[in-house]
């Protein structure tokens, strides 16, 4: 019985450490994306609590199993870009403790796939990166939800405003900073 109670205490301590470590996760994720934007001469993003709320609603839908892992319909995110990330990780894994940082690093790692071309199909393999770096995007809000049916699986959602990934435009251009989106161009279609 003594060993069992020690195990319970250890698990409780690990769980409380995870919660504490995760509390700085959104701030760190914002710092990561802003460092990447600064390196390209792009203005930093600011945290938007409303976008975080919208992101949380969609993350909760996926975490509950009511929605599959896919983008929210455009009607749920007017004028908002969206990046999604899902992963299963062990409880003491850094990805589990800091899922938004893990997602942001994964999205930014797509930079190596981008060679400066404009978006043409909406299926380019670097669209997560380009949404993070889109010059006219100024605000971000991110949230995570853990799956209720699969232990250690989490869903991250970041919403961006104004949305980026506009067809026929490049991600990191000063001209995008004052870009007014028209319906003809629209955001990229397909899974981002």
C-alpha atoms as a PDB file:
ATOM      1  CA  UNK A   1       0.000   0.000   0.000  1.00  0.00           C
ATOM      2  CA  UNK A   2       2.867   2.340   0.765  1.00  0.00           C
ATOM      3  CA  UNK A   3       4.307   2.027  -2.760  1.00  0.00           C
ATOM      4  CA  UNK A   4       0.908   2.627  -4.298  1.00  0.00           C
ATOM      5  CA  UNK A   5       0.340   5.854  -2.343  1.00  0.00           C
ATOM      6  CA  UNK A   6       3.811   7.057  -3.349  1.00  0.00           C
ATOM      7  CA  UNK A   7       2.892   6.431  -6.982  1.00  0.00           C
ATOM      8  CA  UNK A   8      -0.311   8.427  -6.599  1.00  0.00           C
ATOM      9  CA  UNK A   9       1.584  11.347  -5.052  1.00  0.00           C
ATOM     10  CA  UNK A  10       4.156  11.202  -7.882  1.00  0.00           C
ATOM     11  CA  UNK A  11       1.407  11.262 -10.491  1.00  0.00           C
ATOM     12  CA  UNK A  12      -0.298  14.180  -8.788  1.00  0.00           C
ATOM     13  CA  UNK A  13       2.959  16.106  -8.710  1.00  0.00           C
ATOM     14  CA  UNK A  14       3.582  15.358 -12.386  1.00  0.00           C
ATOM     15  CA  UNK A  15       0.057  16.445 -13.252  1.00  0.00           C
ATOM     16  CA  UNK A  16       0.407  19.713 -11.351  1.00  0.00           C
ATOM     17  CA  UNK A  17       3.770  20.327 -13.042  1.00  0.00           C
ATOM     18  CA  UNK A  18       2.101  19.848 -16.433  1.00  0.00           C
ATOM     19  CA  UNK A  19      -0.546  22.402 -15.607  1.00  0.00           C
ATOM     20  CA  UNK A  20       2.032  24.911 -14.406  1.00  0.00           C
ATOM     21  CA  UNK A  21       4.290  24.333 -17.427  1.00  0.00           C
ATOM     22  CA  UNK A  22       1.336  24.723 -19.802  1.00  0.00           C
ATOM     23  CA  UNK A  23       0.201  28.055 -18.356  1.00  0.00           C
ATOM     24  CA  UNK A  24       3.008  29.910 -20.150  1.00  0.00           C
ATOM     25  CA  UNK A  25       2.495  27.951 -23.370  1.00  0.00           C
ATOM     26  CA  UNK A  26       0.453  30.612 -25.259  1.00  0.00           C
ATOM     27  CA  UNK A  27       2.904  33.368 -24.325  1.00  0.00           C
ATOM     28  CA  UNK A  28       5.847  31.266 -25.466  1.00  0.00           C
ATOM     29  CA  UNK A  29       4.087  30.315 -28.730  1.00  0.00           C
ATOM     30  CA  UNK A  30       3.455  34.009 -29.445  1.00  0.00           C
ATOM     31  CA  UNK A  31       7.128  34.776 -28.784  1.00  0.00           C
ATOM     32  CA  UNK A  32       8.181  31.987 -31.165  1.00  0.00           C
ATOM     33  CA  UNK A  33       6.057  33.252 -34.058  1.00  0.00           C
ATOM     34  CA  UNK A  34       7.026  36.878 -33.447  1.00  0.00           C
ATOM     35  CA  UNK A  35      10.712  35.990 -33.461  1.00  0.00           C
ATOM     36  CA  UNK A  36      10.228  34.335 -36.873  1.00  0.00           C
ATOM     37  CA  UNK A  37       8.276  37.341 -38.156  1.00  0.00           C
ATOM     38  CA  UNK A  38      10.939  39.748 -36.892  1.00  0.00           C
ATOM     39  CA  UNK A  39      13.608  37.782 -38.767  1.00  0.00           C
ATOM     40  CA  UNK A  40      11.662  38.463 -41.991  1.00  0.00           C
ATOM     41  CA  UNK A  41      10.981  42.121 -41.183  1.00  0.00           C
ATOM     42  CA  UNK A  42       7.281  41.494 -40.553  1.00  0.00           C
ATOM     43  CA  UNK A  43       5.403  43.323 -37.785  1.00  0.00           C
ATOM     44  CA  UNK A  44       4.745  41.264 -34.652  1.00  0.00           C
ATOM     45  CA  UNK A  45       1.390  39.693 -33.930  1.00  0.00           C
ATOM     46  CA  UNK A  46      -0.566  40.756 -30.868  1.00  0.00           C
ATOM     47  CA  UNK A  47      -2.563  38.379 -28.708  1.00  0.00           C
ATOM     48  CA  UNK A  48      -6.308  38.698 -29.240  1.00  0.00           C
ATOM     49  CA  UNK A  49      -8.473  37.173 -26.477  1.00  0.00           C
ATOM     50  CA  UNK A  50     -11.498  37.080 -28.791  1.00  0.00           C
ATOM     51  CA  UNK A  51      -9.600  35.017 -31.360  1.00  0.00           C
ATOM     52  CA  UNK A  52      -8.467  32.757 -28.514  1.00  0.00           C
ATOM     53  CA  UNK A  53     -12.107  32.263 -27.515  1.00  0.00           C
ATOM     54  CA  UNK A  54     -13.102  31.349 -31.076  1.00  0.00           C
ATOM     55  CA  UNK A  55     -10.116  28.993 -31.320  1.00  0.00           C
ATOM     56  CA  UNK A  56     -11.079  27.384 -28.007  1.00  0.00           C
ATOM     57  CA  UNK A  57     -14.621  26.718 -29.187  1.00  0.00           C
ATOM     58  CA  UNK A  58     -13.358  24.835 -32.241  1.00  0.00           C
ATOM     59  CA  UNK A  59     -10.619  22.988 -30.335  1.00  0.00           C
ATOM     60  CA  UNK A  60     -13.246  21.865 -27.811  1.00  0.00           C
ATOM     61  CA  UNK A  61     -15.447  20.579 -30.635  1.00  0.00           C
ATOM     62  CA  UNK A  62     -12.610  18.400 -31.933  1.00  0.00           C
ATOM     63  CA  UNK A  63     -11.529  17.315 -28.447  1.00  0.00           C
ATOM     64  CA  UNK A  64     -15.064  16.232 -27.597  1.00  0.00           C
ATOM     65  CA  UNK A  65     -15.288  14.102 -30.722  1.00  0.00           C
ATOM     66  CA  UNK A  66     -18.257  16.103 -32.050  1.00  0.00           C
ATOM     67  CA  UNK A  67     -16.129  17.296 -34.976  1.00  0.00           C
ATOM     68  CA  UNK A  68     -13.338  15.534 -36.852  1.00  0.00           C
ATOM     69  CA  UNK A  69      -9.890  17.060 -37.129  1.00  0.00           C
ATOM     70  CA  UNK A  70     -10.632  19.596 -39.843  1.00  0.00           C
ATOM     71  CA  UNK A  71     -10.967  23.317 -40.320  1.00  0.00           C
ATOM     72  CA  UNK A  72     -13.985  25.126 -39.007  1.00  0.00           C
ATOM     73  CA  UNK A  73     -16.387  26.166 -41.748  1.00  0.00           C
ATOM     74  CA  UNK A  74     -15.761  29.691 -43.037  1.00  0.00           C
ATOM     75  CA  UNK A  75     -19.045  30.801 -41.443  1.00  0.00           C
ATOM     76  CA  UNK A  76     -17.541  29.953 -38.015  1.00  0.00           C
ATOM     77  CA  UNK A  77     -14.462  32.082 -38.662  1.00  0.00           C
ATOM     78  CA  UNK A  78     -15.329  35.144 -40.756  1.00  0.00           C
ATOM     79  CA  UNK A  79     -12.187  36.963 -41.921  1.00  0.00           C
ATOM     80  CA  UNK A  80     -10.067  34.669 -39.741  1.00  0.00           C
ATOM     81  CA  UNK A  81      -7.260  32.408 -40.880  1.00  0.00           C
ATOM     82  CA  UNK A  82      -6.841  29.139 -39.049  1.00  0.00           C
ATOM     83  CA  UNK A  83      -4.003  26.707 -38.376  1.00  0.00           C
ATOM     84  CA  UNK A  84      -4.706  23.303 -36.834  1.00  0.00           C
ATOM     85  CA  UNK A  85      -2.425  20.776 -35.209  1.00  0.00           C
ATOM     86  CA  UNK A  86      -3.099  17.421 -33.585  1.00  0.00           C
ATOM     87  CA  UNK A  87      -0.711  15.111 -31.823  1.00  0.00           C
ATOM     88  CA  UNK A  88      -0.583  12.271 -29.367  1.00  0.00           C
ATOM     89  CA  UNK A  89       2.203  12.524 -26.820  1.00  0.00           C
ATOM     90  CA  UNK A  90       3.218  11.043 -23.499  1.00  0.00           C
ATOM     91  CA  UNK A  91       2.250  12.918 -20.354  1.00  0.00           C
ATOM     92  CA  UNK A  92       5.806  13.911 -19.461  1.00  0.00           C
ATOM     93  CA  UNK A  93       6.596  14.741 -23.087  1.00  0.00           C
ATOM     94  CA  UNK A  94       7.334  18.413 -23.816  1.00  0.00           C
ATOM     95  CA  UNK A  95       4.746  18.281 -26.623  1.00  0.00           C
ATOM     96  CA  UNK A  96       2.063  17.365 -24.079  1.00  0.00           C
ATOM     97  CA  UNK A  97       3.143  19.996 -21.579  1.00  0.00           C
ATOM     98  CA  UNK A  98       3.537  22.749 -24.194  1.00  0.00           C
ATOM     99  CA  UNK A  99       1.306  21.853 -27.148  1.00  0.00           C
ATOM    100  CA  UNK A 100       0.997  25.352 -28.629  1.00  0.00           C
ATOM    101  CA  UNK A 101       4.774  25.762 -28.740  1.00  0.00           C
ATOM    102  CA  UNK A 102       5.031  22.352 -30.405  1.00  0.00           C
ATOM    103  CA  UNK A 103       2.409  23.305 -32.990  1.00  0.00           C
ATOM    104  CA  UNK A 104       3.999  26.696 -33.697  1.00  0.00           C
ATOM    105  CA  UNK A 105       7.409  25.132 -34.253  1.00  0.00           C
ATOM    106  CA  UNK A 106       5.886  22.540 -36.596  1.00  0.00           C
ATOM    107  CA  UNK A 107       4.097  25.223 -38.627  1.00  0.00           C
ATOM    108  CA  UNK A 108       7.193  27.414 -38.821  1.00  0.00           C
ATOM    109  CA  UNK A 109       9.317  24.456 -39.921  1.00  0.00           C
ATOM    110  CA  UNK A 110       7.476  24.577 -43.257  1.00  0.00           C
ATOM    111  CA  UNK A 111       9.549  27.633 -44.185  1.00  0.00           C
ATOM    112  CA  UNK A 112      12.057  25.356 -45.907  1.00  0.00           C
ATOM    113  CA  UNK A 113       9.321  24.356 -48.377  1.00  0.00           C
ATOM    114  CA  UNK A 114       8.594  27.952 -49.398  1.00  0.00           C
ATOM    115  CA  UNK A 115      10.557  29.437 -52.298  1.00  0.00           C
ATOM    116  CA  UNK A 116       8.776  32.769 -52.645  1.00  0.00           C
ATOM    117  CA  UNK A 117       5.993  31.747 -54.971  1.00  0.00           C
ATOM    118  CA  UNK A 118       2.426  33.040 -54.612  1.00  0.00           C
ATOM    119  CA  UNK A 119      -0.390  30.795 -53.443  1.00  0.00           C
ATOM    120  CA  UNK A 120      -2.062  29.221 -56.460  1.00  0.00           C
ATOM    121  CA  UNK A 121      -3.913  26.065 -55.395  1.00  0.00           C
ATOM    122  CA  UNK A 122      -4.556  26.406 -51.679  1.00  0.00           C
ATOM    123  CA  UNK A 123      -2.889  23.027 -51.184  1.00  0.00           C
ATOM    124  CA  UNK A 124       0.716  24.196 -50.975  1.00  0.00           C
ATOM    125  CA  UNK A 125       2.745  22.314 -48.347  1.00  0.00           C
ATOM    126  CA  UNK A 126       3.844  25.533 -46.627  1.00  0.00           C
ATOM    127  CA  UNK A 127       0.460  27.161 -45.903  1.00  0.00           C
ATOM    128  CA  UNK A 128       0.730  26.844 -42.108  1.00  0.00           C
ATOM    129  CA  UNK A 129       4.005  28.770 -42.256  1.00  0.00           C
ATOM    130  CA  UNK A 130       2.618  31.390 -44.635  1.00  0.00           C
ATOM    131  CA  UNK A 131      -0.410  32.020 -42.394  1.00  0.00           C
ATOM    132  CA  UNK A 132       1.943  32.580 -39.453  1.00  0.00           C
ATOM    133  CA  UNK A 133       4.051  34.971 -41.527  1.00  0.00           C
ATOM    134  CA  UNK A 134       1.347  36.763 -43.548  1.00  0.00           C
ATOM    135  CA  UNK A 135       2.303  40.433 -43.578  1.00  0.00           C
ATOM    136  CA  UNK A 136      -1.193  41.896 -43.228  1.00  0.00           C
ATOM    137  CA  UNK A 137      -2.117  39.616 -40.328  1.00  0.00           C
ATOM    138  CA  UNK A 138      -1.789  41.502 -37.040  1.00  0.00           C
ATOM    139  CA  UNK A 139      -3.586  39.423 -34.388  1.00  0.00           C
ATOM    140  CA  UNK A 140      -3.527  35.847 -33.163  1.00  0.00           C
ATOM    141  CA  UNK A 141      -5.376  33.786 -30.587  1.00  0.00           C
ATOM    142  CA  UNK A 142      -4.656  30.130 -29.882  1.00  0.00           C
ATOM    143  CA  UNK A 143      -6.197  27.394 -27.792  1.00  0.00           C
ATOM    144  CA  UNK A 144      -5.853  23.703 -27.112  1.00  0.00           C
ATOM    145  CA  UNK A 145      -8.183  20.923 -26.114  1.00  0.00           C
ATOM    146  CA  UNK A 146      -7.378  17.415 -25.021  1.00  0.00           C
ATOM    147  CA  UNK A 147      -9.286  14.485 -26.477  1.00  0.00           C
ATOM    148  CA  UNK A 148     -11.892  12.972 -24.184  1.00  0.00           C
ATOM    149  CA  UNK A 149     -11.578   9.596 -25.918  1.00  0.00           C
ATOM    150  CA  UNK A 150      -7.831   9.213 -26.567  1.00  0.00           C
ATOM    151  CA  UNK A 151      -5.438   9.782 -23.658  1.00  0.00           C
ATOM    152  CA  UNK A 152      -2.660  12.307 -24.322  1.00  0.00           C
ATOM    153  CA  UNK A 153      -4.068  13.413 -27.670  1.00  0.00           C
ATOM    154  CA  UNK A 154      -4.487  17.149 -28.097  1.00  0.00           C
ATOM    155  CA  UNK A 155      -5.801  19.578 -30.665  1.00  0.00           C
ATOM    156  CA  UNK A 156      -4.367  23.059 -31.190  1.00  0.00           C
ATOM    157  CA  UNK A 157      -6.164  25.808 -33.040  1.00  0.00           C
ATOM    158  CA  UNK A 158      -4.763  29.236 -33.830  1.00  0.00           C
ATOM    159  CA  UNK A 159      -6.914  31.914 -35.396  1.00  0.00           C
ATOM    160  CA  UNK A 160      -5.366  34.822 -37.282  1.00  0.00           C
ATOM    161  CA  UNK A 161      -6.870  38.188 -38.243  1.00  0.00           C
ATOM    162  CA  UNK A 162      -7.039  39.534 -40.753  1.00  0.00           C
ATOM    163  CA  UNK A 163      -6.760  36.175 -42.477  1.00  0.00           C
ATOM    164  CA  UNK A 164      -3.846  35.434 -44.748  1.00  0.00           C
ATOM    165  CA  UNK A 165      -3.151  32.818 -47.393  1.00  0.00           C
ATOM    166  CA  UNK A 166      -4.842  34.797 -50.133  1.00  0.00           C
ATOM    167  CA  UNK A 167      -4.593  33.265 -53.592  1.00  0.00           C
ATOM    168  CA  UNK A 168      -2.170  34.916 -56.026  1.00  0.00           C
ATOM    169  CA  UNK A 169      -0.188  36.615 -53.242  1.00  0.00           C
ATOM    170  CA  UNK A 170       3.094  35.770 -51.541  1.00  0.00           C
ATOM    171  CA  UNK A 171       3.326  35.335 -47.790  1.00  0.00           C
ATOM    172  CA  UNK A 172       5.987  37.833 -46.772  1.00  0.00           C
ATOM    173  CA  UNK A 173       5.652  41.021 -48.762  1.00  0.00           C
ATOM    174  CA  UNK A 174       5.298  44.581 -47.629  1.00  0.00           C
ATOM    175  CA  UNK A 175       2.416  44.989 -50.102  1.00  0.00           C
ATOM    176  CA  UNK A 176       0.421  42.454 -48.068  1.00  0.00           C
ATOM    177  CA  UNK A 177       0.628  44.730 -45.032  1.00  0.00           C
ATOM    178  CA  UNK A 178      -2.060  46.981 -46.491  1.00  0.00           C
ATOM    179  CA  UNK A 179      -3.838  44.326 -48.532  1.00  0.00           C
ATOM    180  CA  UNK A 180      -7.594  44.593 -48.635  1.00  0.00           C
ATOM    181  CA  UNK A 181      -8.985  41.173 -49.395  1.00  0.00           C
ATOM    182  CA  UNK A 182     -11.548  40.943 -52.134  1.00  0.00           C
ATOM    183  CA  UNK A 183     -13.916  38.031 -52.642  1.00  0.00           C
ATOM    184  CA  UNK A 184     -12.399  37.143 -56.010  1.00  0.00           C
ATOM    185  CA  UNK A 185      -9.026  36.357 -54.460  1.00  0.00           C
ATOM    186  CA  UNK A 186     -10.384  34.920 -51.230  1.00  0.00           C
ATOM    187  CA  UNK A 187      -8.437  32.815 -48.806  1.00  0.00           C
ATOM    188  CA  UNK A 188      -6.793  29.635 -49.994  1.00  0.00           C
ATOM    189  CA  UNK A 189      -9.162  26.698 -50.112  1.00  0.00           C
ATOM    190  CA  UNK A 190      -8.505  23.200 -48.876  1.00  0.00           C
ATOM    191  CA  UNK A 191      -6.790  21.785 -45.832  1.00  0.00           C
ATOM    192  CA  UNK A 192      -4.164  24.044 -44.376  1.00  0.00           C
END
